[in-house]
């Protein structure tokens, strides 16, 4: 999933069929939810997000206290 020139997006919720987010630089995005199959975040900036959540079945990423981490470390 690629977002170019979508500067007014405030919230993103990826479905479980989405595996990749690329080129995501959204200055107004406040919330993002990563579905269970997201495995690649290439060139993604989440600096202004207030809320980051991750599906509990995601094998790659996890969220702890509003921060995004890889599950392997």
Protein backbone atom coordinates (compact mmCIF):
# COMPACT_ATOMS: atom_id res chain seq x y z
CA UNK A 1 0.00 0.00 0.00
CA UNK A 2 1.54 3.30 -1.09
CA UNK A 3 0.45 6.76 0.05
CA UNK A 4 1.92 9.64 -1.96
CA UNK A 5 0.45 13.12 -1.76
CA UNK A 6 -2.23 12.11 0.74
CA UNK A 7 -1.32 14.77 3.28
CA UNK A 8 -4.73 15.10 4.95
CA UNK A 9 -5.15 11.50 6.07
CA UNK A 10 -5.68 11.42 9.84
CA UNK A 11 -6.23 7.71 10.46
CA UNK A 12 -5.17 4.45 8.80
CA UNK A 13 -6.40 0.96 9.59
CA UNK A 14 -4.86 -1.76 7.46
CA UNK A 15 -6.89 -4.86 6.84
CA UNK A 16 -5.43 -8.31 7.32
CA UNK A 17 -4.92 -8.67 3.54
CA UNK A 18 -2.35 -5.83 3.44
CA UNK A 19 1.28 -6.93 3.91
CA UNK A 20 3.31 -3.80 3.09
CA UNK A 21 3.16 -0.06 3.75
CA UNK A 22 5.56 2.03 1.67
CA UNK A 23 6.35 5.73 1.33
CA UNK A 24 4.09 6.78 4.16
CA UNK A 25 4.88 10.35 5.21
CA UNK A 26 1.68 11.76 6.62
CA UNK A 27 2.16 14.86 8.72
CA UNK A 28 -1.46 14.91 9.94
CA UNK A 29 -1.93 11.19 10.65
CA UNK A 30 -2.89 10.72 14.29
CA UNK A 31 -3.79 7.02 14.51
CA UNK A 32 -2.61 3.91 12.73
CA UNK A 33 -3.57 0.27 13.19
CA UNK A 34 -1.40 -2.42 11.62
CA UNK A 35 -3.25 -5.58 10.69
CA UNK A 36 -2.07 -9.12 11.34
CA UNK A 37 -0.20 -9.52 8.03
CA UNK A 38 1.81 -6.27 7.87
CA UNK A 39 5.40 -7.44 7.59
CA UNK A 40 7.16 -4.55 5.83
CA UNK A 41 7.23 -0.84 6.61
CA UNK A 42 9.49 0.71 3.95
CA UNK A 43 10.18 4.45 4.17
CA UNK A 44 7.46 5.04 6.74
CA UNK A 45 7.41 8.00 9.12
CA UNK A 46 5.04 7.79 12.08
CA UNK A 47 6.40 10.83 13.93
CA UNK A 48 3.09 12.59 14.53
CA UNK A 49 0.95 9.57 15.36
CA UNK A 50 -0.67 9.76 18.76
CA UNK A 51 -1.95 6.19 18.70
CA UNK A 52 -0.25 3.15 17.15
CA UNK A 53 -1.90 -0.24 17.54
CA UNK A 54 -0.96 -3.63 16.14
CA UNK A 55 -3.16 -6.69 15.67
CA UNK A 56 -2.22 -9.25 18.34
CA UNK A 57 -1.76 -11.91 15.62
CA UNK A 58 0.94 -9.90 13.79
CA UNK A 59 4.11 -12.01 13.76
CA UNK A 60 6.52 -9.13 12.98
CA UNK A 61 5.45 -6.05 14.95
CA UNK A 62 4.14 -5.25 18.42
CA UNK A 63 3.11 -2.09 20.25
CA UNK A 64 4.21 -1.27 23.78
CA UNK A 65 3.04 1.94 25.45
CA UNK A 66 2.23 3.54 22.10
CA UNK A 67 5.59 2.69 20.52
CA UNK A 68 6.16 0.32 17.61
CA UNK A 69 8.68 -2.53 18.00
CA UNK A 70 9.68 -5.66 16.12
CA UNK A 71 8.65 -8.83 17.93
CA UNK A 72 12.14 -10.29 17.64
CA UNK A 73 13.79 -7.65 19.77
